[in-house]
C-alpha atoms as a PDB file:
ATOM      1  CA  UNK A   1     -26.409  35.429  -9.577  1.00  0.00           C
ATOM      2  CA  UNK A   2     -26.806  33.110 -10.981  1.00  0.00           C
ATOM      3  CA  UNK A   3     -26.381  29.441  -8.375  1.00  0.00           C
ATOM      4  CA  UNK A   4     -23.204  28.308 -10.584  1.00  0.00           C
ATOM      5  CA  UNK A   5     -21.404  31.552 -10.457  1.00  0.00           C
ATOM      6  CA  UNK A   6     -22.494  31.569  -6.823  1.00  0.00           C
ATOM      7  CA  UNK A   7     -21.447  28.386  -6.018  1.00  0.00           C
ATOM      8  CA  UNK A   8     -17.973  29.397  -7.828  1.00  0.00           C
ATOM      9  CA  UNK A   9     -17.162  32.225  -5.970  1.00  0.00           C
ATOM     10  CA  UNK A  10     -18.191  30.018  -3.180  1.00  0.00           C
ATOM     11  CA  UNK A  11     -15.068  27.745  -4.006  1.00  0.00           C
ATOM     12  CA  UNK A  12     -13.143  30.521  -5.044  1.00  0.00           C
ATOM     13  CA  UNK A  13     -13.381  32.016  -1.233  1.00  0.00           C
ATOM     14  CA  UNK A  14     -12.704  28.733   0.662  1.00  0.00           C
ATOM     15  CA  UNK A  15      -9.395  27.956  -1.804  1.00  0.00           C
ATOM     16  CA  UNK A  16      -8.257  31.382  -1.060  1.00  0.00           C
ATOM     17  CA  UNK A  17      -8.981  31.053   3.093  1.00  0.00           C
ATOM     18  CA  UNK A  18      -7.617  27.396   2.916  1.00  0.00           C
ATOM     19  CA  UNK A  19      -4.265  28.725   1.276  1.00  0.00           C
ATOM     20  CA  UNK A  20      -3.702  31.456   3.921  1.00  0.00           C
ATOM     21  CA  UNK A  21      -4.728  28.672   7.032  1.00  0.00           C
ATOM     22  CA  UNK A  22      -1.932  26.856   4.811  1.00  0.00           C
ATOM     23  CA  UNK A  23       0.361  30.028   4.274  1.00  0.00           C
ATOM     24  CA  UNK A  24       0.028  30.207   8.405  1.00  0.00           C
ATOM     25  CA  UNK A  25       0.919  27.110   9.633  1.00  0.00           C
ATOM     26  CA  UNK A  26       3.628  27.044   7.332  1.00  0.00           C
ATOM     27  CA  UNK A  27       5.009  30.317   8.769  1.00  0.00           C
ATOM     28  CA  UNK A  28       4.164  28.837  12.481  1.00  0.00           C
ATOM     29  CA  UNK A  29       6.750  26.560  11.301  1.00  0.00           C
ATOM     30  CA  UNK A  30       9.091  28.554  10.174  1.00  0.00           C
ATOM     31  CA  UNK A  31       9.048  30.334  13.461  1.00  0.00           C
ATOM     32  CA  UNK A  32       9.090  27.673  15.713  1.00  0.00           C
ATOM     33  CA  UNK A  33      11.534  25.660  13.668  1.00  0.00           C
ATOM     34  CA  UNK A  34      10.577  22.103  16.179  1.00  0.00           C
ATOM     35  CA  UNK A  35       7.477  22.677  14.188  1.00  0.00           C
ATOM     36  CA  UNK A  36       8.087  22.730  10.036  1.00  0.00           C
ATOM     37  CA  UNK A  37       7.820  19.391   9.420  1.00  0.00           C
ATOM     38  CA  UNK A  38       4.589  19.449  11.475  1.00  0.00           C
ATOM     39  CA  UNK A  39       3.406  22.055  10.623  1.00  0.00           C
ATOM     40  CA  UNK A  40       4.026  21.324   6.699  1.00  0.00           C
ATOM     41  CA  UNK A  41       2.284  17.998   6.990  1.00  0.00           C
ATOM     42  CA  UNK A  42      -0.828  19.824   8.497  1.00  0.00           C
ATOM     43  CA  UNK A  43      -0.696  22.739   5.797  1.00  0.00           C
ATOM     44  CA  UNK A  44      -1.366  19.312   3.394  1.00  0.00           C
ATOM     45  CA  UNK A  45      -4.681  18.655   4.874  1.00  0.00           C
ATOM     46  CA  UNK A  46      -6.434  22.312   3.495  1.00  0.00           C
ATOM     47  CA  UNK A  47      -5.909  20.365   0.388  1.00  0.00           C
ATOM     48  CA  UNK A  48      -7.343  17.179   1.278  1.00  0.00           C
ATOM     49  CA  UNK A  49     -10.244  19.073   2.044  1.00  0.00           C
ATOM     50  CA  UNK A  50     -10.875  20.997  -1.386  1.00  0.00           C
ATOM     51  CA  UNK A  51     -10.013  17.250  -2.973  1.00  0.00           C
ATOM     52  CA  UNK A  52     -13.205  15.702  -0.753  1.00  0.00           C
ATOM     53  CA  UNK A  53     -15.128  18.839  -0.538  1.00  0.00           C
ATOM     54  CA  UNK A  54     -14.594  21.129  -3.633  1.00  0.00           C
ATOM     55  CA  UNK A  55     -12.896  18.311  -6.574  1.00  0.00           C
ATOM     56  CA  UNK A  56     -11.806  18.907 -10.018  1.00  0.00           C
ATOM     57  CA  UNK A  57      -8.585  22.520 -10.244  1.00  0.00           C
ATOM     58  CA  UNK A  58      -9.179  23.718  -6.534  1.00  0.00           C
ATOM     59  CA  UNK A  59      -6.377  21.658  -4.766  1.00  0.00           C
ATOM     60  CA  UNK A  60      -4.335  22.245  -6.852  1.00  0.00           C
ATOM     61  CA  UNK A  61      -5.302  26.148  -6.781  1.00  0.00           C
ATOM     62  CA  UNK A  62      -4.729  26.302  -2.943  1.00  0.00           C
ATOM     63  CA  UNK A  63      -1.636  24.233  -3.805  1.00  0.00           C
ATOM     64  CA  UNK A  64       0.206  26.877  -5.843  1.00  0.00           C
ATOM     65  CA  UNK A  65      -0.622  29.759  -3.915  1.00  0.00           C
ATOM     66  CA  UNK A  66       0.417  28.569  -0.877  1.00  0.00           C
ATOM     67  CA  UNK A  67       3.489  27.238  -3.048  1.00  0.00           C
ATOM     68  CA  UNK A  68       4.014  31.112  -4.262  1.00  0.00           C
ATOM     69  CA  UNK A  69       3.586  32.774  -0.553  1.00  0.00           C
ATOM     70  CA  UNK A  70       5.639  30.376   0.996  1.00  0.00           C
ATOM     71  CA  UNK A  71       8.530  31.312  -1.099  1.00  0.00           C
ATOM     72  CA  UNK A  72       8.062  35.036  -0.884  1.00  0.00           C
ATOM     73  CA  UNK A  73       7.463  35.140   2.765  1.00  0.00           C
ATOM     74  CA  UNK A  74       9.586  32.221   3.884  1.00  0.00           C
ATOM     75  CA  UNK A  75      11.993  30.958   1.282  1.00  0.00           C
ATOM     76  CA  UNK A  76      14.960  29.591   3.553  1.00  0.00           C
ATOM     77  CA  UNK A  77      11.919  27.771   5.564  1.00  0.00           C
ATOM     78  CA  UNK A  78      12.593  23.830   5.789  1.00  0.00           C
ATOM     79  CA  UNK A  79       8.591  23.545   6.237  1.00  0.00           C
ATOM     80  CA  UNK A  80       8.235  25.426   3.127  1.00  0.00           C
ATOM     81  CA  UNK A  81      10.405  23.461   1.388  1.00  0.00           C
ATOM     82  CA  UNK A  82       9.189  20.219   2.222  1.00  0.00           C
ATOM     83  CA  UNK A  83       5.504  21.286   1.275  1.00  0.00           C
ATOM     84  CA  UNK A  84       6.401  22.552  -2.213  1.00  0.00           C
ATOM     85  CA  UNK A  85       8.830  19.119  -2.870  1.00  0.00           C
ATOM     86  CA  UNK A  86       5.947  16.310  -1.260  1.00  0.00           C
ATOM     87  CA  UNK A  87       3.243  17.120   1.364  1.00  0.00           C
ATOM     88  CA  UNK A  88       1.330  19.715  -0.913  1.00  0.00           C
ATOM     89  CA  UNK A  89       0.577  17.625  -3.967  1.00  0.00           C
ATOM     90  CA  UNK A  90       1.067  14.289  -2.289  1.00  0.00           C
ATOM     91  CA  UNK A  91      -2.485  14.452  -0.972  1.00  0.00           C
ATOM     92  CA  UNK A  92      -3.539  15.510  -3.878  1.00  0.00           C
ATOM     93  CA  UNK A  93      -2.258  12.856  -5.939  1.00  0.00           C
ATOM     94  CA  UNK A  94      -3.276  10.120  -3.606  1.00  0.00           C
ATOM     95  CA  UNK A  95      -6.955   9.891  -4.100  1.00  0.00           C
ATOM     96  CA  UNK A  96      -6.051   9.161  -8.168  1.00  0.00           C
ATOM     97  CA  UNK A  97      -2.787   6.565  -6.976  1.00  0.00           C
ATOM     98  CA  UNK A  98      -5.253   4.636  -4.429  1.00  0.00           C
ATOM     99  CA  UNK A  99      -7.946   3.926  -7.034  1.00  0.00           C
ATOM    100  CA  UNK A 100      -5.178   1.364  -8.938  1.00  0.00           C
ATOM    101  CA  UNK A 101      -4.529  -2.079  -7.334  1.00  0.00           C
ATOM    102  CA  UNK A 102      -3.302  -1.773  -3.877  1.00  0.00           C
ATOM    103  CA  UNK A 103       0.192  -3.059  -5.138  1.00  0.00           C
ATOM    104  CA  UNK A 104       0.730  -1.159  -7.414  1.00  0.00           C
ATOM    105  CA  UNK A 105      -0.520   2.281  -5.481  1.00  0.00           C
ATOM    106  CA  UNK A 106       1.904   1.409  -2.696  1.00  0.00           C
ATOM    107  CA  UNK A 107       4.740   0.931  -5.148  1.00  0.00           C
ATOM    108  CA  UNK A 108       4.032   3.928  -6.684  1.00  0.00           C
ATOM    109  CA  UNK A 109       3.562   6.084  -3.359  1.00  0.00           C
ATOM    110  CA  UNK A 110       6.865   5.259  -3.055  1.00  0.00           C
ATOM    111  CA  UNK A 111       8.486   6.141  -6.314  1.00  0.00           C
ATOM    112  CA  UNK A 112       7.134   9.837  -6.180  1.00  0.00           C
ATOM    113  CA  UNK A 113       8.123  10.112  -1.895  1.00  0.00           C
ATOM    114  CA  UNK A 114      11.473   9.080  -2.713  1.00  0.00           C
ATOM    115  CA  UNK A 115      11.760  10.740  -6.233  1.00  0.00           C
ATOM    116  CA  UNK A 116      10.816  13.856  -3.918  1.00  0.00           C
ATOM    117  CA  UNK A 117      13.164  13.047  -1.175  1.00  0.00           C
ATOM    118  CA  UNK A 118      16.087  12.635  -3.892  1.00  0.00           C
ATOM    119  CA  UNK A 119      15.213  15.686  -5.116  1.00  0.00           C
ATOM    120  CA  UNK A 120      15.654  17.903  -1.577  1.00  0.00           C
ATOM    121  CA  UNK A 121      18.651  16.401  -0.891  1.00  0.00           C
ATOM    122  CA  UNK A 122      20.167  17.319  -4.277  1.00  0.00           C
ATOM    123  CA  UNK A 123      18.815  20.729  -3.491  1.00  0.00           C
ATOM    124  CA  UNK A 124      20.242  20.936  -0.546  1.00  0.00           C
ATOM    125  CA  UNK A 125      24.039  19.138  -1.472  1.00  0.00           C
ATOM    126  CA  UNK A 126      24.083  22.348  -3.771  1.00  0.00           C
ATOM    127  CA  UNK A 127      23.525  25.182  -0.960  1.00  0.00           C
ATOM    128  CA  UNK A 128      24.620  23.104   1.992  1.00  0.00           C
ATOM    129  CA  UNK A 129      27.702  21.085   0.463  1.00  0.00           C
ATOM    130  CA  UNK A 130      30.425  21.784   3.259  1.00  0.00           C
ATOM    131  CA  UNK A 131      27.110  21.697   6.033  1.00  0.00           C
ATOM    132  CA  UNK A 132      26.461  18.129   4.740  1.00  0.00           C
ATOM    133  CA  UNK A 133      30.372  17.077   4.427  1.00  0.00           C
ATOM    134  CA  UNK A 134      31.007  18.337   7.805  1.00  0.00           C
ATOM    135  CA  UNK A 135      28.016  16.380   8.854  1.00  0.00           C
ATOM    136  CA  UNK A 136      29.162  13.613   7.201  1.00  0.00           C
ATOM    137  CA  UNK A 137      32.457  13.652   9.193  1.00  0.00           C
ATOM    138  CA  UNK A 138      31.540  13.722  12.219  1.00  0.00           C
ATOM    139  CA  UNK A 139      29.041  10.985  11.659  1.00  0.00           C
ATOM    140  CA  UNK A 140      32.579   9.071  10.456  1.00  0.00           C
ATOM    141  CA  UNK A 141      34.306   9.725  13.036  1.00  0.00           C
ATOM    142  CA  UNK A 142      31.404   8.599  15.643  1.00  0.00           C
ATOM    143  CA  UNK A 143      31.643   5.230  14.026  1.00  0.00           C
ATOM    144  CA  UNK A 144      35.723   4.732  14.353  1.00  0.00           C
ATOM    145  CA  UNK A 145      36.569   6.246  11.376  1.00  0.00           C
ATOM    146  CA  UNK A 146      35.213   4.034   8.570  1.00  0.00           C
ATOM    147  CA  UNK A 147      33.701   6.124   5.421  1.00  0.00           C
ATOM    148  CA  UNK A 148      29.532   6.193   6.747  1.00  0.00           C
ATOM    149  CA  UNK A 149      28.269   8.148   3.242  1.00  0.00           C
ATOM    150  CA  UNK A 150      26.759   5.610   1.933  1.00  0.00           C
ATOM    151  CA  UNK A 151      26.042   3.876   5.357  1.00  0.00           C
ATOM    152  CA  UNK A 152      24.207   7.206   6.346  1.00  0.00           C
ATOM    153  CA  UNK A 153      21.867   7.619   3.383  1.00  0.00           C
ATOM    154  CA  UNK A 154      20.606   4.436   3.176  1.00  0.00           C
ATOM    155  CA  UNK A 155      19.447   4.977   7.176  1.00  0.00           C
ATOM    156  CA  UNK A 156      18.555   8.530   6.256  1.00  0.00           C
ATOM    157  CA  UNK A 157      16.185   7.093   2.667  1.00  0.00           C
ATOM    158  CA  UNK A 158      14.884   3.648   5.897  1.00  0.00           C
ATOM    159  CA  UNK A 159      13.663   5.808   8.509  1.00  0.00           C
ATOM    160  CA  UNK A 160      12.249   8.293   5.961  1.00  0.00           C
ATOM    161  CA  UNK A 161      10.505   5.764   3.995  1.00  0.00           C
ATOM    162  CA  UNK A 162       8.820   4.614   7.587  1.00  0.00           C
ATOM    163  CA  UNK A 163       7.488   7.976   8.391  1.00  0.00           C
ATOM    164  CA  UNK A 164       6.055   7.907   5.391  1.00  0.00           C
ATOM    165  CA  UNK A 165       4.327   4.424   5.561  1.00  0.00           C
ATOM    166  CA  UNK A 166       3.489   5.625   9.073  1.00  0.00           C
ATOM    167  CA  UNK A 167       2.036   9.338   7.425  1.00  0.00           C
ATOM    168  CA  UNK A 168       0.281   7.178   4.292  1.00  0.00           C
ATOM    169  CA  UNK A 169      -2.052   5.369   6.606  1.00  0.00           C
ATOM    170  CA  UNK A 170      -2.564   7.785   9.083  1.00  0.00           C
ATOM    171  CA  UNK A 171      -3.659  10.067   6.165  1.00  0.00           C
ATOM    172  CA  UNK A 172      -5.954   7.477   5.369  1.00  0.00           C
ATOM    173  CA  UNK A 173      -7.545   7.895   8.363  1.00  0.00           C
ATOM    174  CA  UNK A 174      -7.748  11.605   8.688  1.00  0.00           C
ATOM    175  CA  UNK A 175      -9.613  11.001   5.374  1.00  0.00           C
ATOM    176  CA  UNK A 176     -12.438   8.404   7.038  1.00  0.00           C
ATOM    177  CA  UNK A 177     -12.976   9.843  10.178  1.00  0.00           C
ATOM    178  CA  UNK A 178     -13.620  12.811   8.161  1.00  0.00           C
ATOM    179  CA  UNK A 179     -15.994  10.541   6.038  1.00  0.00           C
ATOM    180  CA  UNK A 180     -17.454   9.236   8.935  1.00  0.00           C
ATOM    181  CA  UNK A 181     -18.306  12.105  11.879  1.00  0.00           C
ATOM    182  CA  UNK A 182     -17.079  15.751  10.470  1.00  0.00           C
ATOM    183  CA  UNK A 183     -18.306  15.850   6.888  1.00  0.00           C
ATOM    184  CA  UNK A 184     -22.311  16.578   8.069  1.00  0.00           C
ATOM    185  CA  UNK A 185     -20.837  19.556  10.156  1.00  0.00           C
ATOM    186  CA  UNK A 186     -19.389  21.048   5.932  1.00  0.00           C
ATOM    187  CA  UNK A 187     -22.203  21.644   4.550  1.00  0.00           C
ATOM    188  CA  UNK A 188     -22.375  24.573   3.969  1.00  0.00           C
ATOM    189  CA  UNK A 189     -20.142  24.091   1.353  1.00  0.00           C
ATOM    190  CA  UNK A 190     -23.174  22.101  -0.561  1.00  0.00           C
END
């Protein structure tokens, strides 16, 4: 077997393992609902690893396989959908986005994140309209009967964007830690 074929097989095998590990994390999140978003965020780290160590199309392959498996195995999992709509592909795009100037990259990051949140909200609205309407009614009653739909949506977007900034900064720190301390332990991929 030539060296090139061996390297491709090694990366393909590692991609399959990383996709399987990502799917397992999403399944843990589906079974323990309090961990669903955390597991989706952790599953995204496998794509980061692939971006750094394998490059090219391998991170996208890991994302695609994990998405397909999460849809087939746990179609109603919040963590799976959040992975599909944001956590799975964002780490792959992060590298490319951050090659631009800082202001542009943050604007683009916020656009991507808010588009994902809005798409998720639209999907939820169509599938859980009654539940969302009841939630808005309860929130309105809590605040003395005023119309709170726009207020609640604004609060949710503000909080989610704040959490996104924390996530992005933490992701950057984890990538830095990986390069400085952990990467030399993964020489078997070279």
